[in-house]
C-alpha atoms as a PDB file:
ATOM      1  CA  MET A   1    -102.455  81.368 -63.345  1.00  0.00           C
ATOM      2  CA  GLN A   2    -102.431  83.816 -66.093  1.00  0.00           C
ATOM      3  CA  PRO A   3     -99.211  85.612 -66.483  1.00  0.00           C
ATOM      4  CA  ARG A   4     -99.372  89.385 -65.077  1.00  0.00           C
ATOM      5  CA  PRO A   5     -98.913  92.410 -67.836  1.00  0.00           C
ATOM      6  CA  GLU A   6     -95.757  93.707 -67.737  1.00  0.00           C
ATOM      7  CA  GLY A   7     -94.368  97.623 -68.035  1.00  0.00           C
ATOM      8  CA  LEU A   8     -97.461  99.754 -69.226  1.00  0.00           C
ATOM      9  CA  PHE A   9    -100.580  98.518 -69.809  1.00  0.00           C
ATOM     10  CA  ASP A  10    -101.082  98.455 -73.772  1.00  0.00           C
ATOM     11  CA  LEU A  11    -104.543 100.631 -74.999  1.00  0.00           C
ATOM     12  CA  ARG A  12    -106.459  97.297 -75.397  1.00  0.00           C
ATOM     13  CA  TYR A  13    -106.256  96.351 -71.976  1.00  0.00           C
ATOM     14  CA  ALA A  14    -107.454  99.953 -70.744  1.00  0.00           C
ATOM     15  CA  ALA A  15    -110.000 100.088 -73.205  1.00  0.00           C
ATOM     16  CA  PHE A  16    -111.195  96.384 -71.538  1.00  0.00           C
ATOM     17  CA  LEU A  17    -111.012  97.933 -68.243  1.00  0.00           C
ATOM     18  CA  GLU A  18    -112.971 101.060 -69.206  1.00  0.00           C
ATOM     19  CA  THR A  19    -115.843  98.828 -70.498  1.00  0.00           C
ATOM     20  CA  VAL A  20    -116.081  97.054 -67.081  1.00  0.00           C
ATOM     21  CA  SER A  21    -115.396  99.930 -64.816  1.00  0.00           C
ATOM     22  CA  HIS A  22    -119.166 100.184 -64.140  1.00  0.00           C
ATOM     23  CA  LEU A  23    -119.028  96.365 -62.349  1.00  0.00           C
ATOM     24  CA  ARG A  24    -115.373  97.598 -60.516  1.00  0.00           C
ATOM     25  CA  VAL A  25    -116.823  98.943 -57.343  1.00  0.00           C
ATOM     26  CA  LYS A  26    -118.957  95.568 -56.935  1.00  0.00           C
ATOM     27  CA  LEU A  27    -116.300  93.426 -57.586  1.00  0.00           C
ATOM     28  CA  HIS A  28    -113.655  95.067 -55.024  1.00  0.00           C
ATOM     29  CA  ARG A  29    -116.229  94.916 -52.600  1.00  0.00           C
ATOM     30  CA  TYR A  30    -116.948  91.420 -53.154  1.00  0.00           C
ATOM     31  CA  CYS A  31    -112.794  90.268 -53.390  1.00  0.00           C
ATOM     32  CA  ALA A  32    -112.311  92.473 -50.093  1.00  0.00           C
ATOM     33  CA  ARG A  33    -115.072  90.827 -48.370  1.00  0.00           C
ATOM     34  CA  MET A  34    -114.051  87.516 -49.352  1.00  0.00           C
ATOM     35  CA  THR A  35    -110.593  87.733 -48.336  1.00  0.00           C
ATOM     36  CA  GLY A  36    -110.858  90.474 -45.163  1.00  0.00           C
ATOM     37  CA  SER A  37    -109.156  92.872 -46.940  1.00  0.00           C
ATOM     38  CA  ALA A  38    -109.372  95.881 -49.064  1.00  0.00           C
ATOM     39  CA  LEU A  39    -106.298  95.562 -50.248  1.00  0.00           C
ATOM     40  CA  ASP A  40    -105.831  92.083 -51.105  1.00  0.00           C
ATOM     41  CA  GLY A  41    -109.167  92.283 -52.866  1.00  0.00           C
ATOM     42  CA  GLU A  42    -107.981  94.790 -55.303  1.00  0.00           C
ATOM     43  CA  ASP A  43    -104.851  93.138 -55.798  1.00  0.00           C
ATOM     44  CA  ILE A  44    -107.553  89.853 -56.594  1.00  0.00           C
ATOM     45  CA  MET A  45    -109.508  91.968 -58.748  1.00  0.00           C
ATOM     46  CA  GLN A  46    -106.930  93.311 -60.436  1.00  0.00           C
ATOM     47  CA  GLU A  47    -105.642  89.761 -61.462  1.00  0.00           C
ATOM     48  CA  ALA A  48    -108.910  88.610 -61.943  1.00  0.00           C
ATOM     49  CA  LEU A  49    -110.139  91.294 -64.716  1.00  0.00           C
ATOM     50  CA  PHE A  50    -106.861  90.612 -66.600  1.00  0.00           C
ATOM     51  CA  GLU A  51    -107.409  86.853 -66.549  1.00  0.00           C
ATOM     52  CA  ALA A  52    -110.708  88.333 -67.907  1.00  0.00           C
ATOM     53  CA  TYR A  53    -109.144  90.005 -70.913  1.00  0.00           C
ATOM     54  CA  ARG A  54    -107.280  87.198 -71.803  1.00  0.00           C
ATOM     55  CA  LYS A  55    -110.202  85.023 -72.566  1.00  0.00           C
ATOM     56  CA  ILE A  56    -112.836  87.607 -73.596  1.00  0.00           C
ATOM     57  CA  GLU A  57    -113.262  85.424 -76.710  1.00  0.00           C
ATOM     58  CA  ARG A  58    -114.623  82.863 -74.962  1.00  0.00           C
ATOM     59  CA  LEU A  59    -117.502  85.003 -73.594  1.00  0.00           C
ATOM     60  CA  ASP A  60    -120.073  84.540 -76.366  1.00  0.00           C
ATOM     61  CA  ASP A  61    -123.080  86.440 -74.260  1.00  0.00           C
ATOM     62  CA  ALA A  62    -122.445  90.020 -73.442  1.00  0.00           C
ATOM     63  CA  GLN A  63    -125.556  89.746 -71.133  1.00  0.00           C
ATOM     64  CA  ALA A  64    -123.205  87.351 -69.065  1.00  0.00           C
ATOM     65  CA  LEU A  65    -119.941  89.475 -68.454  1.00  0.00           C
ATOM     66  CA  ARG A  66    -121.263  90.564 -65.001  1.00  0.00           C
ATOM     67  CA  PRO A  67    -121.703  86.630 -63.646  1.00  0.00           C
ATOM     68  CA  TRP A  68    -118.588  85.521 -65.428  1.00  0.00           C
ATOM     69  CA  LEU A  69    -116.646  88.506 -63.454  1.00  0.00           C
ATOM     70  CA  PHE A  70    -117.633  87.390 -60.359  1.00  0.00           C
ATOM     71  CA  ARG A  71    -116.753  83.502 -61.154  1.00  0.00           C
ATOM     72  CA  ILE A  72    -113.213  84.505 -61.942  1.00  0.00           C
ATOM     73  CA  ALA A  73    -112.742  86.549 -59.234  1.00  0.00           C
ATOM     74  CA  HIS A  74    -114.828  84.227 -56.843  1.00  0.00           C
ATOM     75  CA  ASN A  75    -112.362  81.237 -58.127  1.00  0.00           C
ATOM     76  CA  ARG A  76    -109.355  83.716 -57.210  1.00  0.00           C
ATOM     77  CA  CYS A  77    -110.737  84.316 -54.083  1.00  0.00           C
ATOM     78  CA  ILE A  78    -110.816  81.128 -53.491  1.00  0.00           C
ATOM     79  CA  ASP A  79    -107.294  80.189 -54.253  1.00  0.00           C
ATOM     80  CA  PHE A  80    -106.326  83.238 -51.604  1.00  0.00           C
ATOM     81  CA  ILE A  81    -108.040  81.754 -49.212  1.00  0.00           C
ATOM     82  CA  ARG A  82    -106.876  78.118 -49.475  1.00  0.00           C
ATOM     83  CA  ASN A  83    -103.063  79.738 -48.951  1.00  0.00           C
ATOM     84  CA  ARG A  84    -102.220  78.259 -45.639  1.00  0.00           C
ATOM     85  CA  GLN A  85    -100.693  81.522 -44.104  1.00  0.00           C
ATOM     86  CA  ALA A  86    -103.523  83.950 -45.774  1.00  0.00           C
ATOM     87  CA  LEU A  87    -106.353  81.376 -43.743  1.00  0.00           C
ATOM     88  CA  GLN A  88    -104.759  81.606 -40.363  1.00  0.00           C
ATOM     89  CA  ARG A  89    -105.008  85.447 -40.467  1.00  0.00           C
ATOM     90  CA  ALA A  90    -108.227  85.741 -42.248  1.00  0.00           C
ATOM     91  CA  GLU A  91    -110.357  83.299 -39.848  1.00  0.00           C
ATOM     92  CA  ALA A  92    -107.608  83.016 -36.713  1.00  0.00           C
ATOM     93  CA  GLY A  93    -110.010  82.603 -33.687  1.00  0.00           C
ATOM     94  CA  TYR A  94    -113.184  80.922 -35.708  1.00  0.00           C
ATOM     95  CA  ALA A  95    -113.426  77.110 -35.723  1.00  0.00           C
ATOM     96  CA  GLY A  96    -116.915  77.695 -37.504  1.00  0.00           C
ATOM     97  CA  ASP A  97    -118.546  73.979 -37.276  1.00  0.00           C
ATOM     98  CA  ASP A  98    -118.744  73.670 -33.332  1.00  0.00           C
ATOM     99  CA  LEU A  99    -121.524  76.220 -32.911  1.00  0.00           C
ATOM    100  CA  VAL A 100    -124.677  76.070 -31.060  1.00  0.00           C
ATOM    101  CA  LEU A 101    -126.870  77.394 -33.419  1.00  0.00           C
ATOM    102  CA  PRO A 102    -129.614  80.426 -32.681  1.00  0.00           C
ATOM    103  CA  VAL A 103    -133.261  79.365 -33.080  1.00  0.00           C
ATOM    104  CA  GLU A 104    -133.773  81.915 -35.217  1.00  0.00           C
ATOM    105  CA  PRO A 105    -131.466  82.479 -37.743  1.00  0.00           C
ATOM    106  CA  ALA A 106    -130.401  85.728 -38.906  1.00  0.00           C
ATOM    107  CA  GLY A 107    -131.798  86.709 -42.564  1.00  0.00           C
ATOM    108  CA  PRO A 108    -131.388  89.261 -45.157  1.00  0.00           C
ATOM    109  CA  GLY A 109    -131.399  92.857 -44.218  1.00  0.00           C
ATOM    110  CA  ALA A 110    -129.113  92.569 -41.259  1.00  0.00           C
ATOM    111  CA  GLY A 111    -126.984  95.535 -42.573  1.00  0.00           C
ATOM    112  CA  HIS A 112    -123.381  96.334 -43.202  1.00  0.00           C
ATOM    113  CA  ALA A 113    -122.343  94.600 -40.308  1.00  0.00           C
ATOM    114  CA  ILE A 114    -122.800  91.259 -42.462  1.00  0.00           C
ATOM    115  CA  GLU A 115    -120.106  92.439 -45.299  1.00  0.00           C
ATOM    116  CA  ARG A 116    -117.696  92.917 -41.950  1.00  0.00           C
ATOM    117  CA  LEU A 117    -118.230  89.595 -40.376  1.00  0.00           C
ATOM    118  CA  VAL A 118    -118.433  87.174 -43.375  1.00  0.00           C
ATOM    119  CA  VAL A 119    -114.662  86.798 -42.877  1.00  0.00           C
ATOM    120  CA  TYR A 120    -115.383  84.591 -39.997  1.00  0.00           C
ATOM    121  CA  LEU A 121    -117.160  82.293 -42.109  1.00  0.00           C
ATOM    122  CA  PRO A 122    -115.868  78.938 -43.943  1.00  0.00           C
ATOM    123  CA  PRO A 123    -115.747  80.037 -47.570  1.00  0.00           C
ATOM    124  CA  LYS A 124    -118.708  78.495 -49.246  1.00  0.00           C
ATOM    125  CA  GLU A 125    -120.410  79.956 -46.416  1.00  0.00           C
ATOM    126  CA  ARG A 126    -118.965  83.376 -47.080  1.00  0.00           C
ATOM    127  CA  ALA A 127    -119.271  83.375 -50.414  1.00  0.00           C
ATOM    128  CA  CYS A 128    -123.072  82.395 -50.316  1.00  0.00           C
ATOM    129  CA  VAL A 129    -123.929  84.743 -47.591  1.00  0.00           C
ATOM    130  CA  LEU A 130    -122.195  87.343 -49.674  1.00  0.00           C
ATOM    131  CA  LEU A 131    -123.773  87.200 -52.990  1.00  0.00           C
ATOM    132  CA  LYS A 132    -127.122  86.357 -51.636  1.00  0.00           C
ATOM    133  CA  ASP A 133    -127.763  89.112 -48.912  1.00  0.00           C
ATOM    134  CA  VAL A 134    -125.430  91.527 -49.712  1.00  0.00           C
ATOM    135  CA  PHE A 135    -126.017  91.021 -53.420  1.00  0.00           C
ATOM    136  CA  ASP A 136    -129.094  89.844 -54.154  1.00  0.00           C
ATOM    137  CA  HIS A 137    -127.535  86.957 -56.777  1.00  0.00           C
ATOM    138  CA  SER A 138    -130.492  84.224 -56.947  1.00  0.00           C
ATOM    139  CA  LEU A 139    -129.770  80.802 -55.771  1.00  0.00           C
ATOM    140  CA  ASP A 140    -129.150  78.964 -59.011  1.00  0.00           C
ATOM    141  CA  GLU A 141    -126.761  82.289 -59.769  1.00  0.00           C
ATOM    142  CA  ILE A 142    -124.965  81.409 -56.569  1.00  0.00           C
ATOM    143  CA  ALA A 143    -125.024  77.648 -56.978  1.00  0.00           C
ATOM    144  CA  ASP A 144    -123.444  78.330 -60.511  1.00  0.00           C
ATOM    145  CA  LEU A 145    -120.580  80.578 -59.555  1.00  0.00           C
ATOM    146  CA  VAL A 146    -119.816  78.498 -56.103  1.00  0.00           C
ATOM    147  CA  GLY A 147    -120.214  75.112 -58.333  1.00  0.00           C
ATOM    148  CA  SER A 148    -122.726  73.992 -56.075  1.00  0.00           C
ATOM    149  CA  THR A 149    -126.435  73.207 -56.147  1.00  0.00           C
ATOM    150  CA  THR A 150    -129.229  75.133 -55.366  1.00  0.00           C
ATOM    151  CA  GLY A 151    -129.864  73.042 -52.166  1.00  0.00           C
ATOM    152  CA  GLY A 152    -126.370  73.087 -51.719  1.00  0.00           C
ATOM    153  CA  VAL A 153    -126.235  76.908 -51.402  1.00  0.00           C
ATOM    154  CA  LYS A 154    -129.615  76.986 -49.506  1.00  0.00           C
ATOM    155  CA  SER A 155    -127.580  74.757 -46.680  1.00  0.00           C
ATOM    156  CA  ALA A 156    -124.849  76.987 -46.811  1.00  0.00           C
ATOM    157  CA  LEU A 157    -126.977  79.587 -46.523  1.00  0.00           C
ATOM    158  CA  ASN A 158    -128.560  78.752 -43.317  1.00  0.00           C
ATOM    159  CA  ARG A 159    -125.866  77.441 -41.642  1.00  0.00           C
ATOM    160  CA  GLY A 160    -123.916  81.019 -42.451  1.00  0.00           C
ATOM    161  CA  ARG A 161    -126.528  83.164 -41.614  1.00  0.00           C
ATOM    162  CA  ALA A 162    -126.880  81.131 -38.108  1.00  0.00           C
ATOM    163  CA  LYS A 163    -123.182  81.541 -37.437  1.00  0.00           C
ATOM    164  CA  LEU A 164    -123.775  85.301 -38.205  1.00  0.00           C
ATOM    165  CA  ALA A 165    -126.143  85.546 -35.623  1.00  0.00           C
ATOM    166  CA  THR A 166    -123.954  84.450 -32.708  1.00  0.00           C
ATOM    167  CA  LEU A 167    -121.002  86.909 -33.730  1.00  0.00           C
ATOM    168  CA  PRO A 168    -120.805  90.415 -32.072  1.00  0.00           C
ATOM    169  CA  ALA A 169    -121.528  93.541 -34.353  1.00  0.00           C
ATOM    170  CA  GLN A 170    -118.534  95.021 -34.489  1.00  0.00           C
ATOM    171  CA  PRO A 171    -115.225  92.880 -35.492  1.00  0.00           C
ATOM    172  CA  VAL A 172    -111.985  93.925 -33.420  1.00  0.00           C
ATOM    173  CA  ALA A 173    -109.260  94.694 -36.172  1.00  0.00           C
ATOM    174  CA  VAL A 174    -105.745  93.997 -33.991  1.00  0.00           C
ATOM    175  CA  PRO A 175    -103.389  96.596 -35.748  1.00  0.00           C
ATOM    176  CA  ALA A 176    -100.351  94.592 -36.926  1.00  0.00           C
ATOM    177  CA  HIS A 177     -97.267  95.688 -35.103  1.00  0.00           C
ATOM    178  CA  ASP A 178     -93.637  95.103 -37.396  1.00  0.00           C
ATOM    179  CA  PRO A 179     -91.301  97.950 -35.490  1.00  0.00           C
ATOM    180  CA  GLU A 180     -89.202  97.216 -38.651  1.00  0.00           C
ATOM    181  CA  LEU A 181     -91.700  97.818 -41.283  1.00  0.00           C
ATOM    182  CA  ALA A 182     -92.685 100.796 -39.018  1.00  0.00           C
ATOM    183  CA  ARG A 183     -89.159 102.677 -39.139  1.00  0.00           C
ATOM    184  CA  LEU A 184     -88.818 101.836 -42.591  1.00  0.00           C
ATOM    185  CA  LEU A 185     -91.947 103.563 -43.492  1.00  0.00           C
ATOM    186  CA  ASP A 186     -91.668 106.351 -41.569  1.00  0.00           C
ATOM    187  CA  ARG A 187     -87.812 106.935 -43.299  1.00  0.00           C
ATOM    188  CA  TYR A 188     -89.925 106.478 -46.646  1.00  0.00           C
ATOM    189  CA  VAL A 189     -92.669 109.080 -45.678  1.00  0.00           C
ATOM    190  CA  GLU A 190     -89.768 111.571 -44.387  1.00  0.00           C
ATOM    191  CA  LEU A 191     -87.690 111.526 -47.484  1.00  0.00           C
ATOM    192  CA  PHE A 192     -91.295 111.386 -49.840  1.00  0.00           C
ATOM    193  CA  ASN A 193     -92.282 114.388 -48.185  1.00  0.00           C
ATOM    194  CA  ILE A 194     -88.907 116.797 -48.670  1.00  0.00           C
ATOM    195  CA  ARG A 195     -88.646 115.316 -52.632  1.00  0.00           C
ATOM    196  CA  ASP A 196     -85.468 112.914 -51.853  1.00  0.00           C
ATOM    197  CA  TRP A 197     -86.395 110.895 -54.792  1.00  0.00           C
ATOM    198  CA  ASP A 198     -82.702 109.583 -54.651  1.00  0.00           C
ATOM    199  CA  GLY A 199     -83.240 108.709 -50.754  1.00  0.00           C
ATOM    200  CA  VAL A 200     -86.566 107.043 -51.710  1.00  0.00           C
ATOM    201  CA  ARG A 201     -84.984 104.803 -54.200  1.00  0.00           C
ATOM    202  CA  ALA A 202     -82.493 103.642 -52.120  1.00  0.00           C
ATOM    203  CA  LEU A 203     -84.688 102.386 -49.238  1.00  0.00           C
ATOM    204  CA  ALA A 204     -85.473  99.586 -52.276  1.00  0.00           C
ATOM    205  CA  SER A 205     -83.578  96.775 -53.611  1.00  0.00           C
ATOM    206  CA  ALA A 206     -82.402  96.662 -57.027  1.00  0.00           C
ATOM    207  CA  ASP A 207     -84.799  94.101 -58.144  1.00  0.00           C
ATOM    208  CA  ALA A 208     -88.461  95.960 -56.202  1.00  0.00           C
ATOM    209  CA  ARG A 209     -91.591  95.191 -58.201  1.00  0.00           C
ATOM    210  CA  LEU A 210     -94.070  98.010 -58.840  1.00  0.00           C
ATOM    211  CA  ARG A 211     -97.376  97.920 -59.432  1.00  0.00           C
ATOM    212  CA  VAL A 212     -99.497 100.884 -59.990  1.00  0.00           C
ATOM    213  CA  SER A 213    -103.261 100.339 -60.437  1.00  0.00           C
ATOM    214  CA  ASP A 214    -104.411 100.252 -64.064  1.00  0.00           C
ATOM    215  CA  CYS A 215    -101.232 101.598 -65.564  1.00  0.00           C
ATOM    216  CA  TYR A 216     -97.869  99.548 -64.940  1.00  0.00           C
ATOM    217  CA  ASN A 217     -96.682  95.851 -63.555  1.00  0.00           C
ATOM    218  CA  GLY A 218     -93.223  95.567 -63.030  1.00  0.00           C
ATOM    219  CA  LEU A 219     -89.719  96.604 -62.030  1.00  0.00           C
ATOM    220  CA  LEU A 220     -89.423  99.330 -59.828  1.00  0.00           C
ATOM    221  CA  SER A 221     -86.341 100.445 -61.731  1.00  0.00           C
ATOM    222  CA  GLY A 222     -87.868 100.654 -64.941  1.00  0.00           C
ATOM    223  CA  SER A 223     -90.618 102.515 -64.190  1.00  0.00           C
ATOM    224  CA  PRO A 224     -91.280 106.548 -64.304  1.00  0.00           C
ATOM    225  CA  TYR A 225     -92.596 106.509 -60.731  1.00  0.00           C
ATOM    226  CA  PHE A 226     -90.744 108.777 -58.879  1.00  0.00           C
ATOM    227  CA  VAL A 227     -90.497 111.268 -61.888  1.00  0.00           C
ATOM    228  CA  GLU A 228     -93.753 111.405 -62.133  1.00  0.00           C
ATOM    229  CA  TYR A 229     -94.416 112.715 -58.195  1.00  0.00           C
ATOM    230  CA  GLU A 230     -91.313 114.897 -59.301  1.00  0.00           C
ATOM    231  CA  ARG A 231     -93.058 116.508 -62.029  1.00  0.00           C
ATOM    232  CA  SER A 232     -96.288 116.866 -59.875  1.00  0.00           C
ATOM    233  CA  GLU A 233     -97.342 120.301 -59.406  1.00  0.00           C
ATOM    234  CA  LEU A 234    -100.469 119.045 -57.013  1.00  0.00           C
ATOM    235  CA  PRO A 235    -100.286 120.145 -53.382  1.00  0.00           C
ATOM    236  CA  TRP A 236     -99.681 116.712 -51.409  1.00  0.00           C
ATOM    237  CA  ARG A 237     -97.834 114.937 -48.845  1.00  0.00           C
ATOM    238  CA  MET A 238     -97.724 111.503 -47.247  1.00  0.00           C
ATOM    239  CA  ARG A 239     -97.932 109.940 -44.234  1.00  0.00           C
ATOM    240  CA  ARG A 240     -98.245 106.163 -42.217  1.00  0.00           C
ATOM    241  CA  GLY A 241    -101.598 104.920 -41.648  1.00  0.00           C
ATOM    242  CA  ALA A 242    -103.621 101.831 -41.153  1.00  0.00           C
ATOM    243  CA  ILE A 243    -106.617  99.895 -42.945  1.00  0.00           C
ATOM    244  CA  GLY A 244    -108.048  96.613 -41.388  1.00  0.00           C
ATOM    245  CA  GLY A 245    -104.926  96.346 -39.338  1.00  0.00           C
ATOM    246  CA  GLU A 246    -102.221  96.620 -41.624  1.00  0.00           C
ATOM    247  CA  ILE A 247     -99.718  99.643 -41.626  1.00  0.00           C
ATOM    248  CA  VAL A 248    -100.069 101.454 -45.250  1.00  0.00           C
ATOM    249  CA  LEU A 249     -99.125 104.659 -46.433  1.00  0.00           C
ATOM    250  CA  VAL A 250    -101.826 107.402 -47.032  1.00  0.00           C
ATOM    251  CA  LEU A 251    -101.630 110.208 -49.767  1.00  0.00           C
ATOM    252  CA  ASP A 252    -103.255 113.100 -49.129  1.00  0.00           C
ATOM    253  CA  ARG A 253    -104.044 116.238 -51.574  1.00  0.00           C
ATOM    254  CA  LEU A 254    -104.780 119.643 -50.365  1.00  0.00           C
ATOM    255  CA  TYR A 255    -108.556 120.803 -51.321  1.00  0.00           C
ATOM    256  CA  GLY A 256    -108.503 124.268 -50.767  1.00  0.00           C
ATOM    257  CA  GLU A 257    -107.511 124.572 -46.862  1.00  0.00           C
ATOM    258  CA  VAL A 258    -108.312 121.013 -46.079  1.00  0.00           C
ATOM    259  CA  TRP A 259    -106.156 117.909 -46.376  1.00  0.00           C
ATOM    260  CA  ARG A 260    -107.796 114.748 -48.023  1.00  0.00           C
ATOM    261  CA  PRO A 261    -106.547 111.466 -48.341  1.00  0.00           C
ATOM    262  CA  ALA A 262    -106.846 110.890 -52.106  1.00  0.00           C
ATOM    263  CA  TYR A 263    -105.236 107.160 -52.167  1.00  0.00           C
ATOM    264  CA  LEU A 264    -103.323 104.515 -50.576  1.00  0.00           C
ATOM    265  CA  VAL A 265     -99.783 102.806 -50.821  1.00  0.00           C
ATOM    266  CA  ARG A 266     -98.761  99.502 -50.019  1.00  0.00           C
ATOM    267  CA  ILE A 267     -95.456  98.341 -49.353  1.00  0.00           C
ATOM    268  CA  HIS A 268     -93.553  95.279 -48.380  1.00  0.00           C
ATOM    269  CA  ALA A 269     -90.100  94.875 -47.455  1.00  0.00           C
ATOM    270  CA  ALA A 270     -87.692  91.889 -46.710  1.00  0.00           C
ATOM    271  CA  ASP A 271     -84.702  92.056 -44.850  1.00  0.00           C
ATOM    272  CA  GLY A 272     -84.894  95.888 -44.348  1.00  0.00           C
ATOM    273  CA  VAL A 273     -85.607  96.812 -47.744  1.00  0.00           C
ATOM    274  CA  ILE A 274     -88.694  97.569 -49.790  1.00  0.00           C
ATOM    275  CA  ASP A 275     -89.075  94.659 -52.114  1.00  0.00           C
ATOM    276  CA  HIS A 276     -92.574  95.770 -53.616  1.00  0.00           C
ATOM    277  CA  ILE A 277     -94.747  98.453 -53.952  1.00  0.00           C
ATOM    278  CA  THR A 278     -98.393  98.451 -54.739  1.00  0.00           C
ATOM    279  CA  ASP A 279     -99.909 102.124 -55.422  1.00  0.00           C
ATOM    280  CA  TYR A 280    -103.672 102.118 -55.629  1.00  0.00           C
ATOM    281  CA  TYR A 281    -104.201 105.720 -56.964  1.00  0.00           C
ATOM    282  CA  ALA A 282    -107.246 104.975 -59.162  1.00  0.00           C
ATOM    283  CA  CYS A 283    -109.178 103.041 -56.728  1.00  0.00           C
ATOM    284  CA  PRO A 284    -111.100 105.441 -54.220  1.00  0.00           C
ATOM    285  CA  TRP A 285    -113.858 102.364 -53.541  1.00  0.00           C
ATOM    286  CA  ILE A 286    -111.238 101.123 -51.179  1.00  0.00           C
ATOM    287  CA  LEU A 287    -111.373 104.937 -49.214  1.00  0.00           C
ATOM    288  CA  ASP A 288    -114.605 104.533 -49.598  1.00  0.00           C
ATOM    289  CA  MET A 289    -114.963 100.685 -48.045  1.00  0.00           C
ATOM    290  CA  ALA A 290    -112.584 102.350 -45.117  1.00  0.00           C
ATOM    291  CA  SER A 291    -114.676 105.000 -44.522  1.00  0.00           C
ATOM    292  CA  ALA A 292    -117.714 102.932 -44.181  1.00  0.00           C
ATOM    293  CA  ASP A 293    -116.348 100.519 -41.681  1.00  0.00           C
ATOM    294  CA  ALA A 294    -115.167 103.116 -39.618  1.00  0.00           C
ATOM    295  CA  GLY A 295    -118.446 104.875 -39.674  1.00  0.00           C
END
């Protein structure tokens, strides 16, 4: 695995992110549906983009940028899914291979529900259905991306579509219940909203990590994170929310007289203290996905 950028991202990496900006919504959508989490999908996409940046000299044909990025992101997703803990969370309650298949398998055009339900499929079927029925890749492109043959892709598509047809149209997301984390986040929100930055910092461990999308990855203590909020003159507030069953923090901004969600912050804690903050301020597609799924 390639190392992550450390500290503030340099100008060359920022320029690379700009060149691939037109692909990021689709890349995130793919990673999010593969992993079953909009936030995990964004984290994986960030890792995939940095890997691509480090290997960009290997790409001879600029026209191949899109499939190349999808292949890197796909491999990252598979690595994530293979993690035992992630696999149990993503595919709980669905064994997959012992279903009675319907006579008429579901095909393309099954609608937005496909994206929310593919997480219940085994990884190869999940990828093939997404790439064909959502992203409209050709069978040959899919075979190259997932490391299979055209025949293998066809078989995975048939199995995946058939299984999807047996599932309910609306997946059920069970909110995570972690009372200790909820209390910590409520305290974080309280201190954040009264601008008690020393109090907020005291909730984190000395070696807590921070990742701010497109900007920073490193120690929280070495970042200007809370200083930037302190300097901000924008009207904003923070509250606890949820996305895909996960507790998150939502930062709202005031537009006229209406408060609207601007972006999400993910907090991870261990032993009662914060050890990782991920700030998704530059990722509006996450909120767009959450809104579409709720609609």
